[in-house]
Every structure is written in C-alpha cells, then in structure tokens.
Amino acid sequence: MRKVGCKSPRLRLDVNRYHELHRQVLERDAWRCQMCGSMQHLQVHHLEFRSHSGSDEEHNLITLCAECHAHVHQPS
C-alpha cells in the first residue's frame, strides 16, 4: 500500500489582503497579459487553481486578459 504524505495547508487571504496582492501581481506583470501582451480587461489567474488546492501567493498568480483567461479555463 502506498503511503500518502500530508498536504501543506494552502494560503487563502481575506478580501482586503487578496485585493492588495491582486494589484501587486498586476504591477509585477507591468499591467500586461502574460500570454498575448494585451493591456485590456486584465484579470489575475491562479496557475494552480484554488479548486486544486492552489494558494493565494504571488508565485501562483499571473496576469491574463479576459480572453486568455477564458481560454485557459476551457476544457481541452
């Protein structure tokens, strides 16, 4: 039988701290979509989805425009 390791708890920020982190990510990414370069309709995307235990940490977030963000979430 395979031994299962312990999961580390994910970081989930409160609304105010998440809003601040959201802005930091946009600034870090120079207010541009990191897929297409657009500066319109920007959103912050979790690289490892929250639903898959992704955390609210800067290294797990990236700036995407709404179109690229929707494309990332489409089933393959």
PDB file of N, CA and C in Angstrom:
ATOM      1  N   MET A   1       0.844  -1.175   0.000  1.00  0.00           N
ATOM      2  CA  MET A   1       0.000   0.000   0.000  1.00  0.00           C
ATOM      3  C   MET A   1       0.893   1.244   0.000  1.00  0.00           C
ATOM      4  N   ARG A   2       0.509   2.228  -0.796  1.00  0.00           N
ATOM      5  CA  ARG A   2       1.281   3.459  -0.915  1.00  0.00           C
ATOM      6  C   ARG A   2       0.970   4.392   0.240  1.00  0.00           C
ATOM      7  N   LYS A   3       2.015   4.957   0.818  1.00  0.00           N
ATOM      8  CA  LYS A   3       1.837   5.902   1.921  1.00  0.00           C
ATOM      9  C   LYS A   3       1.568   7.296   1.350  1.00  0.00           C
ATOM     10  N   VAL A   4       0.543   7.945   1.838  1.00  0.00           N
ATOM     11  CA  VAL A   4       0.164   9.279   1.370  1.00  0.00           C
ATOM     12  C   VAL A   4       0.757  10.308   2.318  1.00  0.00           C
ATOM     13  N   GLY A   5       1.483  11.274   1.743  1.00  0.00           N
ATOM     14  CA  GLY A   5       2.080  12.338   2.550  1.00  0.00           C
ATOM     15  C   GLY A   5       1.054  13.374   2.963  1.00  0.00           C
ATOM     16  N   CYS A   6       1.394  14.150   3.938  1.00  0.00           N
ATOM     17  CA  CYS A   6       0.500  15.206   4.417  1.00  0.00           C
ATOM     18  C   CYS A   6       0.518  16.376   3.450  1.00  0.00           C
ATOM     19  N   LYS A   7      -0.628  16.928   3.192  1.00  0.00           N
ATOM     20  CA  LYS A   7      -0.723  18.136   2.380  1.00  0.00           C
ATOM     21  C   LYS A   7      -0.399  19.329   3.253  1.00  0.00           C
ATOM     22  N   SER A   8       0.302  20.288   2.669  1.00  0.00           N
ATOM     23  CA  SER A   8       0.503  21.524   3.411  1.00  0.00           C
ATOM     24  C   SER A   8      -0.734  22.392   3.198  1.00  0.00           C
ATOM     25  N   PRO A   9      -1.159  23.098   4.222  1.00  0.00           N
ATOM     26  CA  PRO A   9      -2.368  23.918   4.071  1.00  0.00           C
ATOM     27  C   PRO A   9      -2.133  25.036   3.070  1.00  0.00           C
ATOM     28  N   ARG A  10      -3.122  25.297   2.230  1.00  0.00           N
ATOM     29  CA  ARG A  10      -2.977  26.370   1.252  1.00  0.00           C
ATOM     30  C   ARG A  10      -3.254  27.711   1.909  1.00  0.00           C
ATOM     31  N   LEU A  11      -2.644  28.729   1.377  1.00  0.00           N
ATOM     32  CA  LEU A  11      -2.850  30.077   1.881  1.00  0.00           C
ATOM     33  C   LEU A  11      -4.041  30.682   1.154  1.00  0.00           C
ATOM     34  N   ARG A  12      -5.020  31.102   1.905  1.00  0.00           N
ATOM     35  CA  ARG A  12      -6.203  31.769   1.346  1.00  0.00           C
ATOM     36  C   ARG A  12      -6.365  33.088   2.090  1.00  0.00           C
ATOM     37  N   LEU A  13      -6.159  34.189   1.392  1.00  0.00           N
ATOM     38  CA  LEU A  13      -6.173  35.517   2.001  1.00  0.00           C
ATOM     39  C   LEU A  13      -7.588  36.044   2.176  1.00  0.00           C
ATOM     40  N   ASP A  14      -7.732  36.966   3.135  1.00  0.00           N
ATOM     41  CA  ASP A  14      -9.011  37.657   3.275  1.00  0.00           C
ATOM     42  C   ASP A  14      -9.160  38.641   2.112  1.00  0.00           C
ATOM     43  N   VAL A  15     -10.334  39.170   1.929  1.00  0.00           N
ATOM     44  CA  VAL A  15     -10.663  40.004   0.770  1.00  0.00           C
ATOM     45  C   VAL A  15      -9.713  41.192   0.619  1.00  0.00           C
ATOM     46  N   ASN A  16      -9.433  41.908   1.692  1.00  0.00           N
ATOM     47  CA  ASN A  16      -8.577  43.094   1.597  1.00  0.00           C
ATOM     48  C   ASN A  16      -7.141  42.733   1.223  1.00  0.00           C
ATOM     49  N   ARG A  17      -6.596  41.703   1.838  1.00  0.00           N
ATOM     50  CA  ARG A  17      -5.223  41.288   1.522  1.00  0.00           C
ATOM     51  C   ARG A  17      -5.149  40.710   0.110  1.00  0.00           C
ATOM     52  N   TYR A  18      -6.194  40.008  -0.331  1.00  0.00           N
ATOM     53  CA  TYR A  18      -6.206  39.471  -1.689  1.00  0.00           C
ATOM     54  C   TYR A  18      -6.248  40.610  -2.706  1.00  0.00           C
ATOM     55  N   HIS A  19      -7.031  41.643  -2.436  1.00  0.00           N
ATOM     56  CA  HIS A  19      -7.103  42.798  -3.336  1.00  0.00           C
ATOM     57  C   HIS A  19      -5.722  43.461  -3.460  1.00  0.00           C
ATOM     58  N   GLU A  20      -5.020  43.584  -2.358  1.00  0.00           N
ATOM     59  CA  GLU A  20      -3.668  44.167  -2.367  1.00  0.00           C
ATOM     60  C   GLU A  20      -2.708  43.281  -3.180  1.00  0.00           C
ATOM     61  N   LEU A  21      -2.769  41.972  -2.980  1.00  0.00           N
ATOM     62  CA  LEU A  21      -1.920  41.046  -3.728  1.00  0.00           C
ATOM     63  C   LEU A  21      -2.257  41.094  -5.217  1.00  0.00           C
ATOM     64  N   HIS A  22      -3.535  41.180  -5.543  1.00  0.00           N
ATOM     65  CA  HIS A  22      -4.000  41.284  -6.927  1.00  0.00           C
ATOM     66  C   HIS A  22      -3.318  42.470  -7.614  1.00  0.00           C
ATOM     67  N   ARG A  23      -3.304  43.609  -6.946  1.00  0.00           N
ATOM     68  CA  ARG A  23      -2.670  44.799  -7.508  1.00  0.00           C
ATOM     69  C   ARG A  23      -1.159  44.611  -7.648  1.00  0.00           C
ATOM     70  N   GLN A  24      -0.526  43.964  -6.681  1.00  0.00           N
ATOM     71  CA  GLN A  24       0.918  43.703  -6.752  1.00  0.00           C
ATOM     72  C   GLN A  24       1.255  42.835  -7.963  1.00  0.00           C
ATOM     73  N   VAL A  25       0.417  41.843  -8.242  1.00  0.00           N
ATOM     74  CA  VAL A  25       0.648  40.965  -9.383  1.00  0.00           C
ATOM     75  C   VAL A  25       0.500  41.746 -10.690  1.00  0.00           C
ATOM     76  N   LEU A  26      -0.532  42.582 -10.782  1.00  0.00           N
ATOM     77  CA  LEU A  26      -0.706  43.415 -11.976  1.00  0.00           C
ATOM     78  C   LEU A  26       0.507  44.324 -12.190  1.00  0.00           C
ATOM     79  N   GLU A  27       1.001  44.932 -11.121  1.00  0.00           N
ATOM     80  CA  GLU A  27       2.175  45.793 -11.225  1.00  0.00           C
ATOM     81  C   GLU A  27       3.417  44.988 -11.609  1.00  0.00           C
ATOM     82  N   ARG A  28       3.601  43.823 -10.987  1.00  0.00           N
ATOM     83  CA  ARG A  28       4.752  42.971 -11.297  1.00  0.00           C
ATOM     84  C   ARG A  28       4.771  42.603 -12.774  1.00  0.00           C
ATOM     85  N   ASP A  29       3.582  42.319 -13.327  1.00  0.00           N
ATOM     86  CA  ASP A  29       3.467  41.903 -14.721  1.00  0.00           C
ATOM     87  C   ASP A  29       3.314  43.085 -15.675  1.00  0.00           C
ATOM     88  N   ALA A  30       3.600  44.286 -15.182  1.00  0.00           N
ATOM     89  CA  ALA A  30       3.595  45.520 -15.982  1.00  0.00           C
ATOM     90  C   ALA A  30       2.246  45.782 -16.650  1.00  0.00           C
ATOM     91  N   TRP A  31       1.160  45.386 -15.965  1.00  0.00           N
ATOM     92  CA  TRP A  31      -0.204  45.644 -16.441  1.00  0.00           C
ATOM     93  C   TRP A  31      -0.405  45.106 -17.855  1.00  0.00           C
ATOM     94  N   ARG A  32       0.144  43.904 -18.121  1.00  0.00           N
ATOM     95  CA  ARG A  32       0.009  43.257 -19.427  1.00  0.00           C
ATOM     96  C   ARG A  32      -0.337  41.789 -19.258  1.00  0.00           C
ATOM     97  N   CYS A  33      -1.169  41.292 -20.163  1.00  0.00           N
ATOM     98  CA  CYS A  33      -1.466  39.866 -20.211  1.00  0.00           C
ATOM     99  C   CYS A  33      -0.155  39.132 -20.496  1.00  0.00           C
ATOM    100  N   GLN A  34       0.149  38.121 -19.726  1.00  0.00           N
ATOM    101  CA  GLN A  34       1.393  37.390 -19.889  1.00  0.00           C
ATOM    102  C   GLN A  34       1.325  36.351 -21.011  1.00  0.00           C
ATOM    103  N   MET A  35       0.185  36.243 -21.672  1.00  0.00           N
ATOM    104  CA  MET A  35       0.069  35.354 -22.840  1.00  0.00           C
ATOM    105  C   MET A  35       0.104  36.142 -24.149  1.00  0.00           C
ATOM    106  N   CYS A  36      -0.677  37.213 -24.237  1.00  0.00           N
ATOM    107  CA  CYS A  36      -0.794  37.926 -25.520  1.00  0.00           C
ATOM    108  C   CYS A  36      -0.278  39.362 -25.473  1.00  0.00           C
ATOM    109  N   GLY A  37      -0.010  39.890 -24.279  1.00  0.00           N
ATOM    110  CA  GLY A  37       0.515  41.242 -24.164  1.00  0.00           C
ATOM    111  C   GLY A  37      -0.536  42.336 -24.065  1.00  0.00           C
ATOM    112  N   SER A  38      -1.808  41.984 -24.125  1.00  0.00           N
ATOM    113  CA  SER A  38      -2.885  42.972 -24.062  1.00  0.00           C
ATOM    114  C   SER A  38      -2.854  43.725 -22.724  1.00  0.00           C
ATOM    115  N   MET A  39      -3.332  44.955 -22.773  1.00  0.00           N
ATOM    116  CA  MET A  39      -3.464  45.754 -21.554  1.00  0.00           C
ATOM    117  C   MET A  39      -4.943  46.027 -21.245  1.00  0.00           C
ATOM    118  N   GLN A  40      -5.831  45.301 -21.886  1.00  0.00           N
ATOM    119  CA  GLN A  40      -7.275  45.484 -21.733  1.00  0.00           C
ATOM    120  C   GLN A  40      -7.886  44.329 -20.941  1.00  0.00           C
ATOM    121  N   HIS A  41      -8.870  44.631 -20.102  1.00  0.00           N
ATOM    122  CA  HIS A  41      -9.665  43.624 -19.393  1.00  0.00           C
ATOM    123  C   HIS A  41      -8.797  42.634 -18.624  1.00  0.00           C
ATOM    124  N   LEU A  42      -7.862  43.155 -17.829  1.00  0.00           N
ATOM    125  CA  LEU A  42      -6.912  42.302 -17.117  1.00  0.00           C
ATOM    126  C   LEU A  42      -7.535  41.630 -15.902  1.00  0.00           C
ATOM    127  N   GLN A  43      -7.117  40.399 -15.676  1.00  0.00           N
ATOM    128  CA  GLN A  43      -7.551  39.593 -14.542  1.00  0.00           C
ATOM    129  C   GLN A  43      -6.338  38.876 -13.977  1.00  0.00           C
ATOM    130  N   VAL A  44      -6.450  38.405 -12.758  1.00  0.00           N
ATOM    131  CA  VAL A  44      -5.368  37.642 -12.145  1.00  0.00           C
ATOM    132  C   VAL A  44      -5.792  36.184 -12.086  1.00  0.00           C
ATOM    133  N   HIS A  45      -4.942  35.315 -12.597  1.00  0.00           N
ATOM    134  CA  HIS A  45      -5.227  33.886 -12.726  1.00  0.00           C
ATOM    135  C   HIS A  45      -4.343  33.078 -11.775  1.00  0.00           C
ATOM    136  N   HIS A  46      -4.942  32.070 -11.144  1.00  0.00           N
ATOM    137  CA  HIS A  46      -4.184  31.131 -10.311  1.00  0.00           C
ATOM    138  C   HIS A  46      -3.582  30.066 -11.226  1.00  0.00           C
ATOM    139  N   LEU A  47      -2.268  29.920 -11.236  1.00  0.00           N
ATOM    140  CA  LEU A  47      -1.620  28.893 -12.048  1.00  0.00           C
ATOM    141  C   LEU A  47      -2.042  27.507 -11.576  1.00  0.00           C
ATOM    142  N   GLU A  48      -1.993  27.289 -10.272  1.00  0.00           N
ATOM    143  CA  GLU A  48      -2.572  26.080  -9.692  1.00  0.00           C
ATOM    144  C   GLU A  48      -3.923  26.521  -9.131  1.00  0.00           C
ATOM    145  N   PHE A  49      -4.991  26.041  -9.733  1.00  0.00           N
ATOM    146  CA  PHE A  49      -6.335  26.502  -9.396  1.00  0.00           C
ATOM    147  C   PHE A  49      -6.639  26.353  -7.910  1.00  0.00           C
ATOM    148  N   ARG A  50      -7.416  27.267  -7.382  1.00  0.00           N
ATOM    149  CA  ARG A  50      -7.878  27.160  -5.996  1.00  0.00           C
ATOM    150  C   ARG A  50      -8.591  25.827  -5.770  1.00  0.00           C
ATOM    151  N   SER A  51      -9.342  25.397  -6.761  1.00  0.00           N
ATOM    152  CA  SER A  51     -10.084  24.136  -6.632  1.00  0.00           C
ATOM    153  C   SER A  51      -9.164  22.918  -6.577  1.00  0.00           C
ATOM    154  N   HIS A  52      -7.899  23.116  -6.947  1.00  0.00           N
ATOM    155  CA  HIS A  52      -6.894  22.049  -6.874  1.00  0.00           C
ATOM    156  C   HIS A  52      -5.876  22.358  -5.784  1.00  0.00           C
ATOM    157  N   SER A  53      -6.322  23.048  -4.759  1.00  0.00           N
ATOM    158  CA  SER A  53      -5.508  23.425  -3.594  1.00  0.00           C
ATOM    159  C   SER A  53      -4.458  24.484  -3.904  1.00  0.00           C
ATOM    160  N   GLY A  54      -4.663  25.269  -4.948  1.00  0.00           N
ATOM    161  CA  GLY A  54      -3.759  26.372  -5.251  1.00  0.00           C
ATOM    162  C   GLY A  54      -3.885  27.472  -4.215  1.00  0.00           C
ATOM    163  N   SER A  55      -2.794  28.116  -3.918  1.00  0.00           N
ATOM    164  CA  SER A  55      -2.787  29.123  -2.857  1.00  0.00           C
ATOM    165  C   SER A  55      -2.831  30.542  -3.413  1.00  0.00           C
ATOM    166  N   ASP A  56      -3.174  31.465  -2.537  1.00  0.00           N
ATOM    167  CA  ASP A  56      -3.175  32.893  -2.857  1.00  0.00           C
ATOM    168  C   ASP A  56      -1.796  33.449  -2.523  1.00  0.00           C
ATOM    169  N   GLU A  57      -0.804  33.052  -3.311  1.00  0.00           N
ATOM    170  CA  GLU A  57       0.557  33.546  -3.133  1.00  0.00           C
ATOM    171  C   GLU A  57       1.048  34.079  -4.466  1.00  0.00           C
ATOM    172  N   GLU A  58       1.910  35.079  -4.421  1.00  0.00           N
ATOM    173  CA  GLU A  58       2.337  35.763  -5.634  1.00  0.00           C
ATOM    174  C   GLU A  58       2.896  34.802  -6.682  1.00  0.00           C
ATOM    175  N   HIS A  59       3.670  33.809  -6.271  1.00  0.00           N
ATOM    176  CA  HIS A  59       4.269  32.891  -7.241  1.00  0.00           C
ATOM    177  C   HIS A  59       3.234  32.003  -7.940  1.00  0.00           C
ATOM    178  N   ASN A  60       2.014  31.951  -7.430  1.00  0.00           N
ATOM    179  CA  ASN A  60       0.957  31.144  -8.026  1.00  0.00           C
ATOM    180  C   ASN A  60      -0.018  31.985  -8.853  1.00  0.00           C
ATOM    181  N   LEU A  61       0.266  33.263  -9.035  1.00  0.00           N
ATOM    182  CA  LEU A  61      -0.648  34.169  -9.733  1.00  0.00           C
ATOM    183  C   LEU A  61       0.022  34.788 -10.951  1.00  0.00           C
ATOM    184  N   ILE A  62      -0.768  35.024 -11.983  1.00  0.00           N
ATOM    185  CA  ILE A  62      -0.277  35.616 -13.226  1.00  0.00           C
ATOM    186  C   ILE A  62      -1.374  36.511 -13.808  1.00  0.00           C
ATOM    187  N   THR A  63      -0.974  37.553 -14.506  1.00  0.00           N
ATOM    188  CA  THR A  63      -1.919  38.462 -15.151  1.00  0.00           C
ATOM    189  C   THR A  63      -2.289  37.932 -16.527  1.00  0.00           C
ATOM    190  N   LEU A  64      -3.604  37.837 -16.777  1.00  0.00           N
ATOM    191  CA  LEU A  64      -4.126  37.446 -18.080  1.00  0.00           C
ATOM    192  C   LEU A  64      -5.265  38.383 -18.452  1.00  0.00           C
ATOM    193  N   CYS A  65      -5.459  38.610 -19.754  1.00  0.00           N
ATOM    194  CA  CYS A  65      -6.645  39.347 -20.192  1.00  0.00           C
ATOM    195  C   CYS A  65      -7.836  38.392 -20.100  1.00  0.00           C
ATOM    196  N   ALA A  66      -9.032  38.931 -20.151  1.00  0.00           N
ATOM    197  CA  ALA A  66     -10.239  38.115 -20.005  1.00  0.00           C
ATOM    198  C   ALA A  66     -10.307  37.012 -21.062  1.00  0.00           C
ATOM    199  N   GLU A  67      -9.903  37.315 -22.297  1.00  0.00           N
ATOM    200  CA  GLU A  67      -9.966  36.318 -23.378  1.00  0.00           C
ATOM    201  C   GLU A  67      -8.990  35.160 -23.127  1.00  0.00           C
ATOM    202  N   CYS A  68      -7.756  35.472 -22.772  1.00  0.00           N
ATOM    203  CA  CYS A  68      -6.774  34.425 -22.489  1.00  0.00           C
ATOM    204  C   CYS A  68      -7.158  33.646 -21.232  1.00  0.00           C
ATOM    205  N   HIS A  69      -7.705  34.350 -20.237  1.00  0.00           N
ATOM    206  CA  HIS A  69      -8.127  33.695 -19.006  1.00  0.00           C
ATOM    207  C   HIS A  69      -9.229  32.677 -19.313  1.00  0.00           C
ATOM    208  N   ALA A  70     -10.187  33.053 -20.135  1.00  0.00           N
ATOM    209  CA  ALA A  70     -11.256  32.132 -20.520  1.00  0.00           C
ATOM    210  C   ALA A  70     -10.682  30.942 -21.287  1.00  0.00           C
ATOM    211  N   HIS A  71      -9.712  31.201 -22.157  1.00  0.00           N
ATOM    212  CA  HIS A  71      -9.086  30.129 -22.947  1.00  0.00           C
ATOM    213  C   HIS A  71      -8.385  29.120 -22.022  1.00  0.00           C
ATOM    214  N   VAL A  72      -7.712  29.588 -21.002  1.00  0.00           N
ATOM    215  CA  VAL A  72      -7.010  28.713 -20.054  1.00  0.00           C
ATOM    216  C   VAL A  72      -7.982  27.785 -19.344  1.00  0.00           C
ATOM    217  N   HIS A  73      -9.176  28.279 -19.072  1.00  0.00           N
ATOM    218  CA  HIS A  73     -10.167  27.502 -18.321  1.00  0.00           C
ATOM    219  C   HIS A  73     -11.054  26.610 -19.195  1.00  0.00           C
ATOM    220  N   GLN A  74     -10.885  26.682 -20.510  1.00  0.00           N
ATOM    221  CA  GLN A  74     -11.674  25.813 -21.395  1.00  0.00           C
ATOM    222  C   GLN A  74     -11.132  24.387 -21.322  1.00  0.00           C
ATOM    223  N   PRO A  75     -12.031  23.406 -21.287  1.00  0.00           N
ATOM    224  CA  PRO A  75     -11.569  22.003 -21.291  1.00  0.00           C
ATOM    225  C   PRO A  75     -10.834  21.685 -22.587  1.00  0.00           C
ATOM    226  N   SER A  76      -9.811  20.878 -22.479  1.00  0.00           N
ATOM    227  CA  SER A  76      -9.034  20.511 -23.674  1.00  0.00           C
ATOM    228  C   SER A  76      -9.700  19.426 -24.486  1.00  0.00           C
TER     229      SER A  76
END
